[in-house]
Amino acid sequence: MSLELESLLALADERVLERGRSLFLDGAVLEAARSRGRLQARVQGSAPFPYRVEINLNKGEWRCSCPYSWGPVCKHVVAVAFAALEAPEIFTRKKLVKSAPVNLGSLLELSDDELLRFLWQLAEERPELMHEFAYNLMQRYE
């Protein structure tokens, strides 16, 4: 199923559409890339960390790391769609890695202590990633 960006925008509530357009116009679409019908970007919203957005036009799918669940499409996805339509030059062309599920098998076999040590080591090596994860996790449960 192929998806046109205009069709995606038509799914958005009027307020979400306005907020997404404002994000785009304010330059909130960051690190945008495109490849073979797929768009990926980070979008700075109201949170301290940018959200991660992916739109797959070939499959008619989109996702965002934000906790929005009140409609079919969030303002961050709308912002990326507007960017692709109105400023395609901000998207770099590069081979995008397919977002296949991560094999958690070996991690799930770790004991609680080993898993906690792994997470602490990850926090030391990549603190910005852990901060982003923790913030997004808290947003989902508020």
N, C-alpha and C. Protein backbone atom coordinates (compact mmCIF):
# COMPACT_ATOMS: atom_id res chain seq x y z
N MET A 1 0.84 -1.18 0.00
CA MET A 1 0.00 0.00 0.00
C MET A 1 0.88 1.24 0.00
N SER A 2 0.70 2.06 -0.97
CA SER A 2 1.48 3.30 -1.07
C SER A 2 0.72 4.43 -0.39
N LEU A 3 1.44 5.33 0.23
CA LEU A 3 0.84 6.45 0.94
C LEU A 3 1.38 7.75 0.38
N GLU A 4 0.50 8.66 0.11
CA GLU A 4 0.90 10.00 -0.32
C GLU A 4 0.92 10.89 0.93
N LEU A 5 1.86 11.82 0.97
CA LEU A 5 1.98 12.69 2.15
C LEU A 5 0.72 13.53 2.35
N GLU A 6 0.07 13.92 1.28
CA GLU A 6 -1.17 14.69 1.40
C GLU A 6 -2.24 13.87 2.10
N SER A 7 -2.28 12.56 1.82
CA SER A 7 -3.24 11.67 2.48
C SER A 7 -2.94 11.55 3.97
N LEU A 8 -1.68 11.51 4.29
CA LEU A 8 -1.27 11.46 5.69
C LEU A 8 -1.71 12.73 6.41
N LEU A 9 -1.49 13.87 5.79
CA LEU A 9 -1.89 15.14 6.39
C LEU A 9 -3.41 15.23 6.56
N ALA A 10 -4.15 14.63 5.64
CA ALA A 10 -5.61 14.66 5.72
C ALA A 10 -6.14 13.89 6.93
N LEU A 11 -5.34 12.98 7.48
CA LEU A 11 -5.75 12.22 8.66
C LEU A 11 -5.64 13.02 9.95
N ALA A 12 -4.87 14.09 9.92
CA ALA A 12 -4.59 14.85 11.15
C ALA A 12 -5.76 15.76 11.50
N ASP A 13 -6.03 15.83 12.77
CA ASP A 13 -6.99 16.79 13.31
C ASP A 13 -6.50 18.20 12.98
N GLU A 14 -7.40 19.15 12.83
CA GLU A 14 -7.03 20.51 12.42
C GLU A 14 -5.99 21.13 13.37
N ARG A 15 -6.17 20.93 14.66
CA ARG A 15 -5.22 21.49 15.64
C ARG A 15 -3.84 20.82 15.51
N VAL A 16 -3.82 19.51 15.32
CA VAL A 16 -2.56 18.79 15.14
C VAL A 16 -1.89 19.26 13.86
N LEU A 17 -2.67 19.48 12.82
CA LEU A 17 -2.15 19.98 11.55
C LEU A 17 -1.48 21.34 11.74
N GLU A 18 -2.14 22.23 12.46
CA GLU A 18 -1.58 23.57 12.72
C GLU A 18 -0.30 23.48 13.55
N ARG A 19 -0.31 22.65 14.57
CA ARG A 19 0.86 22.53 15.44
C ARG A 19 2.04 21.89 14.70
N GLY A 20 1.75 20.90 13.86
CA GLY A 20 2.80 20.28 13.06
C GLY A 20 3.40 21.25 12.06
N ARG A 21 2.54 22.04 11.42
CA ARG A 21 3.04 23.05 10.47
C ARG A 21 3.91 24.08 11.19
N SER A 22 3.49 24.48 12.39
CA SER A 22 4.30 25.44 13.18
C SER A 22 5.66 24.84 13.52
N LEU A 23 5.69 23.57 13.89
CA LEU A 23 6.97 22.93 14.18
C LEU A 23 7.87 22.98 12.95
N PHE A 24 7.31 22.64 11.80
CA PHE A 24 8.09 22.68 10.57
C PHE A 24 8.61 24.10 10.30
N LEU A 25 7.73 25.09 10.37
CA LEU A 25 8.11 26.47 10.08
C LEU A 25 9.12 27.01 11.08
N ASP A 26 9.08 26.51 12.31
CA ASP A 26 10.02 26.94 13.36
C ASP A 26 11.36 26.22 13.27
N GLY A 27 11.53 25.34 12.29
CA GLY A 27 12.81 24.64 12.12
C GLY A 27 13.02 23.49 13.06
N ALA A 28 11.92 22.88 13.54
CA ALA A 28 12.04 21.80 14.52
C ALA A 28 12.36 20.44 13.89
N VAL A 29 12.31 20.34 12.57
CA VAL A 29 12.63 19.07 11.91
C VAL A 29 14.15 18.99 11.76
N LEU A 30 14.76 18.04 12.46
CA LEU A 30 16.21 17.91 12.53
C LEU A 30 16.66 16.59 11.93
N GLU A 31 17.89 16.55 11.49
CA GLU A 31 18.51 15.30 11.03
C GLU A 31 17.59 14.50 10.13
N ALA A 32 17.08 15.12 9.09
CA ALA A 32 16.13 14.48 8.19
C ALA A 32 16.87 13.71 7.10
N ALA A 33 16.37 12.50 6.81
CA ALA A 33 16.97 11.66 5.77
C ALA A 33 15.85 10.98 5.00
N ARG A 34 16.15 10.64 3.73
CA ARG A 34 15.18 9.94 2.89
C ARG A 34 15.89 8.87 2.08
N SER A 35 15.13 7.80 1.82
CA SER A 35 15.65 6.73 0.98
C SER A 35 14.49 5.84 0.55
N ARG A 36 14.30 5.71 -0.74
CA ARG A 36 13.34 4.77 -1.32
C ARG A 36 11.97 4.78 -0.64
N GLY A 37 11.36 5.93 -0.55
CA GLY A 37 10.02 6.00 0.01
C GLY A 37 9.95 6.01 1.52
N ARG A 38 11.10 6.14 2.17
CA ARG A 38 11.12 6.22 3.63
C ARG A 38 11.71 7.54 4.06
N LEU A 39 11.09 8.15 5.04
CA LEU A 39 11.58 9.40 5.63
C LEU A 39 11.85 9.16 7.10
N GLN A 40 12.98 9.66 7.56
CA GLN A 40 13.30 9.60 8.99
C GLN A 40 13.76 10.98 9.41
N ALA A 41 13.38 11.38 10.61
CA ALA A 41 13.84 12.66 11.14
C ALA A 41 13.68 12.66 12.65
N ARG A 42 14.37 13.58 13.25
CA ARG A 42 14.16 13.88 14.66
C ARG A 42 13.45 15.22 14.68
N VAL A 43 12.45 15.34 15.54
CA VAL A 43 11.65 16.56 15.60
C VAL A 43 11.64 17.06 17.03
N GLN A 44 12.09 18.31 17.19
CA GLN A 44 12.09 18.92 18.52
C GLN A 44 10.70 19.43 18.83
N GLY A 45 10.07 18.81 19.81
CA GLY A 45 8.75 19.23 20.25
C GLY A 45 8.87 19.95 21.58
N SER A 46 7.90 19.76 22.44
CA SER A 46 7.91 20.44 23.74
C SER A 46 8.77 19.71 24.77
N ALA A 47 9.22 18.51 24.45
CA ALA A 47 10.06 17.74 25.36
C ALA A 47 11.52 18.19 25.25
N PRO A 48 12.32 17.87 26.24
CA PRO A 48 13.73 18.27 26.17
C PRO A 48 14.53 17.51 25.12
N PHE A 49 14.01 16.38 24.64
CA PHE A 49 14.72 15.59 23.63
C PHE A 49 13.87 15.51 22.38
N PRO A 50 14.50 15.54 21.21
CA PRO A 50 13.72 15.40 19.97
C PRO A 50 13.09 14.02 19.88
N TYR A 51 11.93 13.99 19.27
CA TYR A 51 11.26 12.71 19.02
C TYR A 51 11.77 12.13 17.71
N ARG A 52 11.71 10.82 17.58
CA ARG A 52 12.16 10.12 16.38
C ARG A 52 10.93 9.76 15.55
N VAL A 53 10.94 10.18 14.29
CA VAL A 53 9.81 9.96 13.39
C VAL A 53 10.27 9.16 12.18
N GLU A 54 9.46 8.22 11.77
CA GLU A 54 9.70 7.50 10.53
C GLU A 54 8.39 7.40 9.77
N ILE A 55 8.43 7.72 8.48
CA ILE A 55 7.28 7.57 7.60
C ILE A 55 7.71 6.64 6.47
N ASN A 56 7.00 5.55 6.31
CA ASN A 56 7.28 4.61 5.22
C ASN A 56 6.12 4.74 4.23
N LEU A 57 6.37 5.47 3.14
CA LEU A 57 5.33 5.71 2.15
C LEU A 57 4.97 4.44 1.38
N ASN A 58 5.93 3.55 1.21
CA ASN A 58 5.68 2.31 0.47
C ASN A 58 4.70 1.39 1.21
N LYS A 59 4.85 1.34 2.53
CA LYS A 59 4.00 0.46 3.34
C LYS A 59 2.80 1.17 3.93
N GLY A 60 2.75 2.50 3.79
CA GLY A 60 1.64 3.26 4.37
C GLY A 60 1.67 3.27 5.88
N GLU A 61 2.89 3.34 6.45
CA GLU A 61 3.05 3.29 7.90
C GLU A 61 3.85 4.50 8.38
N TRP A 62 3.63 4.88 9.61
CA TRP A 62 4.41 5.93 10.24
C TRP A 62 4.45 5.65 11.74
N ARG A 63 5.47 6.19 12.37
CA ARG A 63 5.59 6.05 13.82
C ARG A 63 6.37 7.23 14.37
N CYS A 64 6.16 7.46 15.64
CA CYS A 64 6.85 8.54 16.34
C CYS A 64 7.10 8.06 17.76
N SER A 65 8.21 8.50 18.35
CA SER A 65 8.54 8.07 19.71
C SER A 65 7.78 8.86 20.77
N CYS A 66 6.94 9.80 20.37
CA CYS A 66 6.17 10.58 21.35
C CYS A 66 5.03 9.73 21.91
N PRO A 67 4.46 10.13 23.05
CA PRO A 67 3.39 9.34 23.66
C PRO A 67 1.99 9.66 23.14
N TYR A 68 1.86 10.44 22.07
CA TYR A 68 0.55 10.86 21.55
C TYR A 68 -0.31 9.65 21.19
N SER A 69 -1.56 9.65 21.68
CA SER A 69 -2.46 8.53 21.38
C SER A 69 -3.91 8.97 21.19
N TRP A 70 -4.13 10.25 20.86
CA TRP A 70 -5.48 10.77 20.75
C TRP A 70 -5.97 10.88 19.31
N GLY A 71 -5.21 10.36 18.40
CA GLY A 71 -5.61 10.41 17.00
C GLY A 71 -4.67 9.59 16.16
N PRO A 72 -4.93 9.52 14.87
CA PRO A 72 -4.12 8.66 14.01
C PRO A 72 -2.71 9.18 13.74
N VAL A 73 -2.50 10.48 13.86
CA VAL A 73 -1.19 11.03 13.51
C VAL A 73 -0.87 12.19 14.45
N CYS A 74 0.38 12.27 14.89
CA CYS A 74 0.80 13.32 15.83
C CYS A 74 1.41 14.51 15.08
N LYS A 75 1.64 15.59 15.82
CA LYS A 75 2.19 16.81 15.21
C LYS A 75 3.61 16.61 14.69
N HIS A 76 4.36 15.69 15.26
CA HIS A 76 5.75 15.46 14.81
C HIS A 76 5.77 14.80 13.44
N VAL A 77 4.88 13.83 13.23
CA VAL A 77 4.76 13.19 11.91
C VAL A 77 4.28 14.21 10.89
N VAL A 78 3.32 15.05 11.29
CA VAL A 78 2.82 16.11 10.41
C VAL A 78 3.95 17.06 10.02
N ALA A 79 4.80 17.41 10.97
CA ALA A 79 5.92 18.32 10.69
C ALA A 79 6.86 17.72 9.65
N VAL A 80 7.14 16.42 9.77
CA VAL A 80 8.03 15.75 8.80
C VAL A 80 7.36 15.70 7.43
N ALA A 81 6.06 15.46 7.39
CA ALA A 81 5.35 15.44 6.11
C ALA A 81 5.39 16.82 5.44
N PHE A 82 5.16 17.87 6.22
CA PHE A 82 5.26 19.23 5.66
C PHE A 82 6.68 19.51 5.16
N ALA A 83 7.67 19.07 5.91
CA ALA A 83 9.05 19.30 5.50
C ALA A 83 9.34 18.60 4.18
N ALA A 84 8.87 17.37 4.03
CA ALA A 84 9.10 16.62 2.79
C ALA A 84 8.41 17.27 1.60
N LEU A 85 7.25 17.86 1.84
CA LEU A 85 6.51 18.50 0.75
C LEU A 85 7.05 19.89 0.41
N GLU A 86 7.39 20.66 1.44
CA GLU A 86 7.73 22.07 1.22
C GLU A 86 9.22 22.39 1.26
N ALA A 87 10.01 21.51 1.82
CA ALA A 87 11.46 21.75 1.88
C ALA A 87 12.22 20.44 1.73
N PRO A 88 12.02 19.75 0.61
CA PRO A 88 12.66 18.43 0.46
C PRO A 88 14.18 18.49 0.50
N GLU A 89 14.75 19.67 0.30
CA GLU A 89 16.21 19.80 0.31
C GLU A 89 16.83 19.55 1.69
N ILE A 90 16.03 19.60 2.75
CA ILE A 90 16.61 19.35 4.08
C ILE A 90 16.83 17.86 4.33
N PHE A 91 16.28 17.01 3.48
CA PHE A 91 16.45 15.57 3.64
C PHE A 91 17.70 15.12 2.90
N THR A 92 18.62 14.54 3.64
CA THR A 92 19.80 13.97 3.00
C THR A 92 19.41 12.62 2.42
N ARG A 93 20.06 12.25 1.36
CA ARG A 93 19.80 10.93 0.77
C ARG A 93 20.84 9.97 1.33
N LYS A 94 20.36 8.97 2.02
CA LYS A 94 21.27 7.96 2.54
C LYS A 94 20.53 6.66 2.73
N LYS A 95 21.27 5.61 2.77
CA LYS A 95 20.66 4.30 2.98
C LYS A 95 20.18 4.23 4.43
N LEU A 96 18.89 4.05 4.59
CA LEU A 96 18.32 3.99 5.92
C LEU A 96 18.25 2.54 6.37
N VAL A 97 18.68 2.30 7.57
CA VAL A 97 18.65 0.95 8.12
C VAL A 97 17.21 0.60 8.45
N LYS A 98 16.78 -0.56 8.00
CA LYS A 98 15.42 -0.99 8.30
C LYS A 98 15.28 -1.15 9.80
N SER A 99 14.17 -0.69 10.32
CA SER A 99 13.94 -0.75 11.76
C SER A 99 13.31 -2.09 12.14
N ALA A 100 14.10 -3.14 11.97
CA ALA A 100 13.66 -4.48 12.35
C ALA A 100 13.72 -4.62 13.87
N PRO A 101 12.87 -5.45 14.43
CA PRO A 101 12.92 -5.66 15.88
C PRO A 101 14.30 -6.17 16.31
N VAL A 102 14.73 -5.71 17.45
CA VAL A 102 16.02 -6.13 18.00
C VAL A 102 15.84 -7.51 18.63
N ASN A 103 16.81 -8.37 18.42
CA ASN A 103 16.78 -9.70 19.04
C ASN A 103 17.18 -9.55 20.51
N LEU A 104 16.22 -9.70 21.38
CA LEU A 104 16.47 -9.53 22.82
C LEU A 104 16.85 -10.83 23.52
N GLY A 105 16.93 -11.90 22.77
CA GLY A 105 17.17 -13.22 23.37
C GLY A 105 18.29 -13.25 24.39
N SER A 106 19.49 -12.80 24.01
CA SER A 106 20.62 -12.89 24.94
C SER A 106 20.45 -11.94 26.13
N LEU A 107 19.83 -10.79 25.91
CA LEU A 107 19.61 -9.87 27.04
C LEU A 107 18.61 -10.44 28.03
N LEU A 108 17.58 -11.09 27.52
CA LEU A 108 16.56 -11.65 28.40
C LEU A 108 17.09 -12.82 29.23
N GLU A 109 18.19 -13.40 28.80
CA GLU A 109 18.80 -14.50 29.55
C GLU A 109 19.66 -14.00 30.71
N LEU A 110 19.96 -12.71 30.74
CA LEU A 110 20.79 -12.16 31.81
C LEU A 110 20.02 -12.17 33.12
N SER A 111 20.76 -12.32 34.22
CA SER A 111 20.13 -12.21 35.54
C SER A 111 19.79 -10.73 35.77
N ASP A 112 19.00 -10.47 36.78
CA ASP A 112 18.66 -9.08 37.10
C ASP A 112 19.92 -8.26 37.37
N ASP A 113 20.86 -8.84 38.12
CA ASP A 113 22.10 -8.13 38.43
C ASP A 113 22.91 -7.83 37.16
N GLU A 114 23.01 -8.82 36.28
CA GLU A 114 23.76 -8.62 35.03
C GLU A 114 23.08 -7.56 34.16
N LEU A 115 21.77 -7.59 34.11
CA LEU A 115 21.03 -6.62 33.30
C LEU A 115 21.19 -5.21 33.87
N LEU A 116 21.15 -5.09 35.17
CA LEU A 116 21.37 -3.77 35.79
C LEU A 116 22.78 -3.26 35.53
N ARG A 117 23.78 -4.14 35.60
CA ARG A 117 25.16 -3.73 35.29
C ARG A 117 25.26 -3.27 33.84
N PHE A 118 24.60 -3.99 32.94
CA PHE A 118 24.58 -3.61 31.53
C PHE A 118 23.98 -2.21 31.36
N LEU A 119 22.85 -1.95 32.02
CA LEU A 119 22.20 -0.64 31.92
C LEU A 119 23.07 0.47 32.50
N TRP A 120 23.74 0.21 33.61
CA TRP A 120 24.63 1.21 34.19
C TRP A 120 25.79 1.51 33.24
N GLN A 121 26.33 0.46 32.63
CA GLN A 121 27.43 0.66 31.67
C GLN A 121 26.94 1.47 30.47
N LEU A 122 25.75 1.16 29.99
CA LEU A 122 25.18 1.92 28.88
C LEU A 122 24.98 3.39 29.28
N ALA A 123 24.53 3.61 30.49
CA ALA A 123 24.33 4.99 30.98
C ALA A 123 25.66 5.74 31.04
N GLU A 124 26.75 5.05 31.38
CA GLU A 124 28.06 5.70 31.42
C GLU A 124 28.58 5.99 30.02
N GLU A 125 28.35 5.06 29.11
CA GLU A 125 28.86 5.21 27.74
C GLU A 125 28.00 6.16 26.90
N ARG A 126 26.69 6.14 27.07
CA ARG A 126 25.76 6.92 26.25
C ARG A 126 24.73 7.63 27.13
N PRO A 127 25.15 8.54 28.00
CA PRO A 127 24.20 9.16 28.94
C PRO A 127 23.06 9.89 28.24
N GLU A 128 23.34 10.52 27.08
CA GLU A 128 22.28 11.26 26.38
C GLU A 128 21.17 10.33 25.91
N LEU A 129 21.53 9.13 25.50
CA LEU A 129 20.55 8.16 25.06
C LEU A 129 19.70 7.68 26.24
N MET A 130 20.33 7.44 27.36
CA MET A 130 19.59 6.99 28.54
C MET A 130 18.68 8.08 29.08
N HIS A 131 19.12 9.35 29.01
CA HIS A 131 18.26 10.46 29.44
C HIS A 131 17.03 10.55 28.54
N GLU A 132 17.25 10.42 27.25
CA GLU A 132 16.14 10.47 26.29
C GLU A 132 15.17 9.32 26.54
N PHE A 133 15.72 8.13 26.74
CA PHE A 133 14.88 6.96 27.01
C PHE A 133 14.08 7.16 28.29
N ALA A 134 14.73 7.57 29.35
CA ALA A 134 14.05 7.75 30.64
C ALA A 134 12.94 8.79 30.53
N TYR A 135 13.22 9.88 29.87
CA TYR A 135 12.21 10.92 29.71
C TYR A 135 11.00 10.38 28.94
N ASN A 136 11.26 9.71 27.82
CA ASN A 136 10.16 9.18 27.01
C ASN A 136 9.38 8.11 27.75
N LEU A 137 10.06 7.30 28.53
CA LEU A 137 9.39 6.28 29.33
C LEU A 137 8.45 6.92 30.34
N MET A 138 8.91 7.95 31.01
CA MET A 138 8.07 8.64 32.00
C MET A 138 6.86 9.30 31.33
N GLN A 139 7.03 9.84 30.14
CA GLN A 139 5.94 10.48 29.42
C GLN A 139 4.84 9.47 29.09
N ARG A 140 5.22 8.26 28.79
CA ARG A 140 4.22 7.23 28.43
C ARG A 140 3.36 6.82 29.60
N TYR A 141 3.86 6.99 30.83
CA TYR A 141 3.12 6.54 32.01
C TYR A 141 2.51 7.66 32.82
N GLU A 142 2.59 8.88 32.32
CA GLU A 142 1.96 10.00 33.05
C GLU A 142 0.50 10.12 32.73
